[in-house]
Protein backbone atom coordinates (compact mmCIF):
# COMPACT_ATOMS: atom_id res chain seq x y z
CA MET A 1 1.09 42.37 -69.78
CA PHE A 2 2.15 45.65 -71.41
CA PHE A 3 5.74 45.82 -72.63
CA SER A 4 6.26 42.14 -71.79
CA ARG A 5 9.13 40.43 -73.58
CA GLN A 6 9.29 36.84 -74.70
CA LYS A 7 11.81 34.91 -72.66
CA SER A 8 14.86 33.46 -74.36
CA VAL A 9 15.61 29.74 -74.13
CA VAL A 10 18.73 27.62 -74.11
CA GLY A 11 18.96 25.36 -77.18
CA LEU A 12 19.74 21.76 -76.21
CA ASP A 13 20.29 19.27 -79.03
CA ILE A 14 20.11 15.76 -77.52
CA GLY A 15 21.96 13.61 -80.02
CA SER A 16 22.91 9.94 -79.93
CA SER A 17 26.60 10.60 -79.31
CA HIS A 18 26.76 14.17 -77.97
CA LEU A 19 24.67 16.83 -76.27
CA LYS A 20 25.06 20.31 -77.79
CA LEU A 21 24.07 23.50 -75.96
CA VAL A 22 23.81 27.09 -77.19
CA GLU A 23 22.50 30.22 -75.49
CA LEU A 24 22.04 33.46 -77.43
CA LYS A 25 21.13 37.02 -76.51
CA GLU A 26 19.15 39.15 -78.94
CA ARG A 27 20.62 42.60 -79.54
CA LYS A 28 19.20 45.70 -81.12
CA GLY A 29 18.54 45.41 -84.84
CA GLY A 30 17.72 41.71 -84.64
CA GLU A 31 21.35 40.65 -84.19
CA TYR A 32 22.44 37.93 -81.77
CA GLN A 33 25.32 37.52 -79.33
CA LEU A 34 26.59 34.08 -78.34
CA LEU A 35 26.50 33.82 -74.54
CA HIS A 36 27.29 30.18 -73.88
CA ALA A 37 28.03 27.03 -75.88
CA GLY A 38 29.17 23.55 -75.08
CA ILE A 39 29.32 19.94 -76.20
CA GLU A 40 29.20 16.89 -73.94
CA PRO A 41 29.81 13.31 -75.12
CA LEU A 42 27.27 10.59 -74.39
CA SER A 43 27.89 6.91 -73.80
CA PRO A 44 26.78 4.86 -76.85
CA GLU A 45 24.27 2.96 -74.73
CA ALA A 46 22.50 6.12 -73.48
CA ILE A 47 20.50 6.78 -76.67
CA VAL A 48 19.96 4.12 -79.34
CA ASP A 49 18.18 4.89 -82.64
CA GLY A 50 16.99 8.21 -81.21
CA SER A 51 15.33 6.59 -78.16
CA ILE A 52 16.59 7.26 -74.65
CA MET A 53 17.64 3.88 -73.21
CA ASP A 54 19.45 5.05 -70.05
CA SER A 55 17.89 8.27 -68.80
CA SER A 56 20.26 8.61 -65.84
CA LEU A 57 23.25 8.88 -68.18
CA VAL A 58 21.50 11.60 -70.19
CA VAL A 59 20.47 13.54 -67.06
CA GLU A 60 24.02 13.47 -65.71
CA ALA A 61 25.41 14.60 -69.06
CA ILE A 62 22.97 17.53 -69.20
CA GLN A 63 23.99 18.58 -65.71
CA ARG A 64 27.69 18.45 -66.63
CA LEU A 65 27.06 20.40 -69.82
CA VAL A 66 25.09 23.12 -68.02
CA GLU A 67 27.81 23.46 -65.39
CA HIS A 68 30.67 23.57 -67.90
CA SER A 69 28.90 26.01 -70.23
CA GLY A 70 28.15 28.47 -67.43
CA THR A 71 24.55 29.18 -68.42
CA LYS A 72 22.19 30.30 -65.65
CA ASN A 73 19.06 30.22 -67.83
CA ARG A 74 16.92 27.24 -66.87
CA ASN A 75 14.40 27.56 -69.73
CA PHE A 76 15.29 25.00 -72.39
CA ALA A 77 14.24 24.14 -75.93
CA THR A 78 15.00 20.75 -77.42
CA SER A 79 14.02 18.82 -80.54
CA VAL A 80 13.30 15.34 -81.83
CA SER A 81 13.72 13.42 -85.08
CA GLY A 82 13.57 9.91 -86.50
CA HIS A 83 10.79 7.43 -87.18
CA SER A 84 8.71 8.69 -84.24
CA VAL A 85 8.24 12.00 -86.05
CA ILE A 86 5.76 12.47 -88.90
CA ILE A 87 5.69 15.74 -90.89
CA LYS A 88 3.14 16.17 -93.65
CA LYS A 89 1.59 18.93 -95.71
CA ILE A 90 -2.11 18.17 -95.99
CA GLU A 91 -5.01 19.73 -97.89
CA VAL A 92 -8.18 20.50 -95.93
CA PRO A 93 -11.29 22.53 -96.75
CA VAL A 94 -10.89 26.24 -96.04
CA MET A 95 -12.09 26.95 -92.51
CA ALA A 96 -11.69 29.48 -89.73
CA PRO A 97 -8.85 28.97 -87.21
CA ASP A 98 -11.18 27.80 -84.43
CA GLU A 99 -12.83 25.28 -86.76
CA LEU A 100 -9.44 24.01 -87.89
CA GLY A 101 -8.38 23.56 -84.28
CA GLU A 102 -11.46 21.45 -83.62
CA SER A 103 -11.17 19.29 -86.74
CA ILE A 104 -7.37 18.84 -87.03
CA ARG A 105 -7.37 15.67 -84.90
CA TRP A 106 -9.86 13.98 -87.23
CA GLU A 107 -7.94 15.20 -90.29
CA ALA A 108 -4.67 13.94 -88.82
CA GLU A 109 -6.02 10.42 -88.30
CA GLN A 110 -6.10 9.99 -92.07
CA TYR A 111 -2.38 10.70 -92.42
CA ILE A 112 -0.69 9.49 -89.24
CA PRO A 113 0.36 5.79 -89.19
CA PHE A 114 0.17 5.70 -85.37
CA ASP A 115 -2.75 5.53 -82.97
CA ILE A 116 -3.85 9.16 -82.69
CA ASN A 117 -4.01 8.77 -78.90
CA ASP A 118 -0.30 7.93 -78.82
CA VAL A 119 0.94 11.14 -80.48
CA ARG A 120 1.37 14.82 -79.74
CA LEU A 121 -0.05 16.93 -82.58
CA ASP A 122 0.75 20.41 -83.78
CA TYR A 123 -0.08 22.25 -86.99
CA VAL A 124 0.45 25.50 -88.88
CA PRO A 125 -1.89 26.79 -91.64
CA LEU A 126 0.14 27.59 -94.77
CA THR A 127 -2.68 29.15 -96.79
CA ASP A 128 -4.45 32.42 -96.08
CA VAL A 129 -8.07 31.63 -95.24
CA GLN A 130 -9.04 34.75 -97.23
CA SER A 131 -7.72 33.17 -100.44
CA ALA A 132 -10.13 32.29 -103.23
CA ARG A 133 -9.27 28.59 -103.03
CA ASP A 134 -11.67 25.95 -101.69
CA THR A 135 -8.87 24.14 -99.86
CA MET A 136 -5.97 25.22 -97.67
CA GLU A 137 -2.54 23.73 -96.99
CA VAL A 138 -1.70 22.83 -93.40
CA LEU A 139 1.65 21.66 -92.07
CA LEU A 140 0.94 18.79 -89.72
CA VAL A 141 3.48 17.46 -87.19
CA ALA A 142 2.93 14.37 -85.07
CA VAL A 143 5.42 12.95 -82.59
CA LYS A 144 5.06 9.80 -80.52
CA ARG A 145 3.94 10.93 -77.08
CA ASP A 146 6.40 8.60 -75.33
CA LYS A 147 9.35 10.14 -77.16
CA VAL A 148 8.35 13.69 -76.24
CA ASN A 149 7.79 12.65 -72.64
CA ASP A 150 11.23 11.00 -72.43
CA TYR A 151 13.03 14.12 -73.67
CA VAL A 152 10.98 16.39 -71.41
CA TRP A 153 11.64 14.12 -68.42
CA VAL A 154 15.45 14.15 -68.68
CA ILE A 155 15.46 17.96 -68.93
CA ASN A 156 13.21 18.21 -65.89
CA GLN A 157 15.33 15.75 -63.93
CA SER A 158 18.46 17.74 -64.74
CA GLY A 159 16.95 20.72 -62.91
CA ASN A 160 15.84 22.67 -65.99
CA GLU A 161 12.49 23.65 -67.52
CA PRO A 162 11.56 22.26 -70.96
CA LYS A 163 9.65 25.12 -72.60
CA ILE A 164 9.77 24.10 -76.28
CA VAL A 165 9.98 20.75 -78.09
CA ASP A 166 10.73 21.32 -81.76
CA VAL A 167 11.71 19.08 -84.69
CA ASP A 168 15.36 18.85 -85.77
CA ALA A 169 14.60 19.71 -89.40
CA PHE A 170 12.79 22.92 -88.44
CA ALA A 171 15.49 23.98 -85.97
CA LEU A 172 18.04 23.44 -88.74
CA GLN A 173 16.05 25.66 -91.10
CA ASN A 174 15.77 28.30 -88.38
CA ALA A 175 19.55 28.43 -88.02
CA TYR A 176 20.06 28.54 -91.79
CA GLU A 177 17.65 31.43 -92.34
CA ALA A 178 19.34 33.42 -89.55
CA ASN A 179 22.79 33.03 -91.09
CA TYR A 180 22.40 32.82 -94.87
CA GLU A 181 20.66 34.80 -97.59
CA VAL A 182 17.91 32.46 -98.76
CA ASP A 183 17.67 32.52 -102.56
CA SER A 184 14.03 32.10 -103.60
CA GLY A 185 15.05 30.70 -106.98
CA ARG A 186 17.42 28.04 -105.64
CA VAL A 187 16.72 24.51 -104.37
CA VAL A 188 18.95 23.87 -101.33
CA ALA A 189 19.24 20.69 -99.26
CA LEU A 190 20.09 21.15 -95.59
CA ILE A 191 21.59 17.84 -94.47
CA ASN A 192 22.17 17.38 -90.75
CA MET A 193 24.26 14.25 -90.17
CA GLY A 194 24.13 12.89 -86.65
CA ALA A 195 25.52 9.69 -85.19
CA ALA A 196 22.40 7.62 -85.87
CA VAL A 197 20.01 9.77 -87.93
CA THR A 198 20.47 12.17 -90.84
CA ASN A 199 17.83 14.90 -91.28
CA ILE A 200 17.25 16.20 -94.82
CA ASN A 201 15.32 19.43 -95.28
CA ILE A 202 14.95 20.73 -98.86
CA LEU A 203 14.20 24.44 -99.32
CA ALA A 204 12.68 26.07 -102.41
CA ARG A 205 10.91 29.40 -102.88
CA ARG A 206 12.19 30.43 -99.40
CA THR A 207 10.27 27.65 -97.70
CA THR A 208 10.62 23.99 -96.80
CA VAL A 209 9.16 21.75 -99.49
CA PHE A 210 10.42 18.30 -98.45
CA TRP A 211 11.63 16.55 -95.28
CA ARG A 212 13.00 13.12 -94.57
CA ASP A 213 15.00 11.45 -91.80
CA ILE A 214 17.23 8.53 -92.79
CA SER A 215 18.75 5.99 -90.40
CA PHE A 216 22.34 6.52 -91.49
CA GLY A 217 25.04 8.56 -89.77
CA GLY A 218 28.39 8.68 -88.06
CA ASN A 219 27.96 5.31 -86.35
CA GLN A 220 28.18 3.55 -89.72
CA PHE A 221 31.65 5.03 -90.27
CA THR A 222 32.81 4.04 -86.80
CA GLU A 223 31.44 0.51 -87.06
CA ALA A 224 33.17 0.02 -90.43
CA LEU A 225 36.50 0.95 -88.84
CA GLN A 226 35.79 -1.44 -85.96
CA ARG A 227 35.25 -4.33 -88.36
CA GLU A 228 38.20 -3.50 -90.59
CA PHE A 229 40.82 -3.00 -87.87
CA ASN A 230 39.34 -5.00 -84.95
CA LEU A 231 39.02 -1.91 -82.75
CA SER A 232 36.64 -0.98 -79.96
CA PHE A 233 33.98 1.64 -80.70
CA GLU A 234 35.95 4.28 -78.77
CA GLU A 235 39.20 3.39 -80.55
CA ALA A 236 37.52 3.59 -83.95
CA GLU A 237 36.12 7.01 -83.03
CA ARG A 238 39.62 8.23 -82.20
CA VAL A 239 41.01 6.99 -85.53
CA LYS A 240 38.14 8.78 -87.31
CA ARG A 241 39.17 11.98 -85.55
CA GLY A 242 42.73 11.60 -86.82
CA GLU A 243 44.47 9.93 -83.88
CA GLU A 244 46.78 6.94 -84.24
CA VAL A 245 45.46 3.87 -82.43
CA GLN A 246 47.19 0.47 -82.39
CA GLY A 247 49.33 1.63 -85.30
CA LYS A 248 46.30 2.57 -87.39
CA THR A 249 46.21 6.12 -88.71
CA LEU A 250 43.66 8.23 -90.55
CA ALA A 251 45.56 7.53 -93.76
CA ASP A 252 45.03 3.78 -93.18
CA ALA A 253 41.35 4.40 -92.49
CA GLN A 254 40.58 6.74 -95.37
CA MET A 255 39.66 4.05 -97.89
CA VAL A 256 37.19 2.55 -95.41
CA LEU A 257 35.72 5.96 -94.63
CA ASP A 258 35.37 6.82 -98.33
CA ALA A 259 33.50 3.56 -98.95
CA VAL A 260 30.99 4.44 -96.23
CA SER A 261 30.77 7.99 -97.63
CA GLY A 262 29.70 6.35 -100.87
CA ASP A 263 26.97 4.47 -98.98
CA MET A 264 25.85 7.74 -97.40
CA ALA A 265 25.69 9.32 -100.85
CA ALA A 266 23.53 6.43 -102.07
CA GLU A 267 21.07 6.97 -99.19
CA ILE A 268 20.88 10.69 -99.92
CA GLN A 269 20.40 9.92 -103.62
CA LYS A 270 17.32 7.81 -102.78
CA THR A 271 15.83 10.79 -100.96
CA PHE A 272 16.64 13.16 -103.82
CA ASP A 273 15.14 10.70 -106.32
CA PHE A 274 11.92 10.50 -104.30
CA PHE A 275 11.84 14.28 -104.02
CA GLY A 276 12.30 14.62 -107.78
CA ALA A 277 9.52 12.12 -108.48
CA THR A 278 7.00 13.80 -106.16
CA SER A 279 7.84 17.48 -106.57
CA ALA A 280 7.85 20.01 -109.39
CA GLU A 281 10.54 22.14 -107.75
CA GLY A 282 13.43 20.83 -109.84
CA ALA A 283 16.71 19.21 -108.84
CA VAL A 284 18.74 20.07 -105.73
CA GLU A 285 21.28 22.76 -106.66
CA GLU A 286 23.25 23.06 -103.44
CA MET A 287 23.92 21.03 -100.29
CA VAL A 288 24.76 22.41 -96.85
CA LEU A 289 26.12 19.85 -94.37
CA SER A 290 25.91 19.98 -90.58
CA GLY A 291 26.17 17.62 -87.63
CA GLY A 292 29.16 15.76 -86.23
CA CYS A 293 29.19 13.23 -89.06
CA ALA A 294 29.63 16.07 -91.57
CA LEU A 295 33.15 16.52 -90.16
CA THR A 296 34.17 13.01 -91.31
CA PRO A 297 37.38 13.41 -93.35
CA ASN A 298 36.72 13.69 -97.10
CA LEU A 299 32.94 13.15 -96.80
CA ARG A 300 32.13 16.60 -98.17
CA ALA A 301 34.39 16.02 -101.19
CA VAL A 302 32.83 12.61 -101.89
CA LEU A 303 29.32 14.07 -101.82
CA GLN A 304 30.24 17.03 -103.99
CA ASP A 305 31.82 14.72 -106.54
CA ARG A 306 28.81 12.38 -106.48
CA PHE A 307 26.13 15.06 -106.91
CA GLY A 308 28.07 17.67 -108.85
CA VAL A 309 26.62 20.61 -106.90
CA PRO A 310 28.25 23.04 -104.44
CA THR A 311 28.54 21.27 -101.08
CA ASP A 312 29.60 23.26 -98.02
CA LEU A 313 29.83 22.88 -94.27
CA PHE A 314 27.15 24.81 -92.40
CA ASP A 315 28.41 27.72 -90.29
CA PRO A 316 25.53 28.31 -87.81
CA LEU A 317 27.43 31.20 -86.18
CA ARG A 318 28.08 33.06 -89.41
CA ASN A 319 25.87 36.05 -88.46
CA ILE A 320 26.14 35.63 -84.68
CA HIS A 321 28.59 37.75 -82.70
CA TYR A 322 31.05 35.87 -80.54
CA ALA A 323 34.33 37.78 -80.90
CA GLY A 324 35.69 38.74 -77.51
CA SER A 325 33.62 36.18 -75.60
CA ASP A 326 35.08 33.64 -73.19
CA ILE A 327 34.46 30.88 -75.74
CA HIS A 328 37.52 30.01 -77.80
CA GLU A 329 37.00 31.05 -81.41
CA GLU A 330 39.17 28.22 -82.74
CA TRP A 331 37.03 25.66 -80.90
CA LEU A 332 33.87 27.24 -82.30
CA ARG A 333 35.25 27.05 -85.85
CA ASP A 334 36.17 23.38 -85.36
CA VAL A 335 32.80 22.29 -83.94
CA GLY A 336 30.53 24.83 -85.66
CA PRO A 337 28.60 22.36 -87.86
CA MET A 338 27.73 20.32 -84.76
CA LEU A 339 25.92 23.31 -83.24
CA ALA A 340 23.44 23.91 -86.08
CA VAL A 341 20.34 22.43 -84.43
CA SER A 342 21.11 23.91 -80.98
CA VAL A 343 21.57 27.37 -82.58
CA GLY A 344 18.21 27.00 -84.32
CA LEU A 345 16.61 26.07 -81.00
CA ALA A 346 18.29 28.96 -79.16
CA LEU A 347 16.73 31.38 -81.68
CA ARG A 348 13.28 30.39 -80.45
CA LYS A 349 11.43 32.30 -77.74
CA GLU A 350 9.17 30.87 -75.06
CA GLY A 351 5.60 31.12 -76.29
CA ASP A 352 6.37 31.94 -79.93
């Protein structure tokens, strides 16, 4: 249709401990205005290891979040991560787009450790077919079909339309590129720390060169406090946020938290070591932290000391206008790093 415009979507990040929602409006000049944002806690039993275990709890939480945020847009984008997601750059013979579309399933079978009938496949050619090379690079993404279906189902059941299912690492990159000047000569690690999974996306030459999800996140900090002080999960969460519970304060908990921060650093180091052994891009020169776990007291300082590179909290609203909106600016500053993936999703358009 002439003069048709791509429809905007609401970004919904379905995490293990919280749902995060962001809706943006594109303005002239490519700028964005924040329309709605919200965060809704989830019961620990709702999602375990990235898999939806109690869909009714998730549906109810989405409905509450939509109501509280005030959004009227029912077109949603969400994303997935974890062991059910496989991302690979593969080399295939140079071929026309229609040929690639026909052969990608066979090519994928060589690289995907799941039954090809059990996954949803997508791909993006990274090499111009007009190049003089005999082979072309293709970015291949495979996600367990059951996982995609579960996330689509809860959005449908909440009364909304799932238009896009992305991958957390790509949504994170989307948000970063919209808010920061990407230095082509710098190797930057975007580290999104959730409750159960941490997504690591390493950028070099203005593009993603390495991805990995690790099963380590905020739950490890909370569980360590539970064991140390004999607290419930909820009580340990409150101590982690700085509240005093049963006479235990954040000062009492800091040594425990720092020990787990050291464990987190060791997990990230393994990823960086593997990246260094398999890539010619050079060492990571900067880390940008997002996700709820990134707000753990002193974690940023521990990581910066361990790796000796600039380590900052991600501000996914850095280039997005929100002054004068109904959303409290102080709240946005406090929770900003938690909104990184949902901002990246909200930047997508239906059909792009």
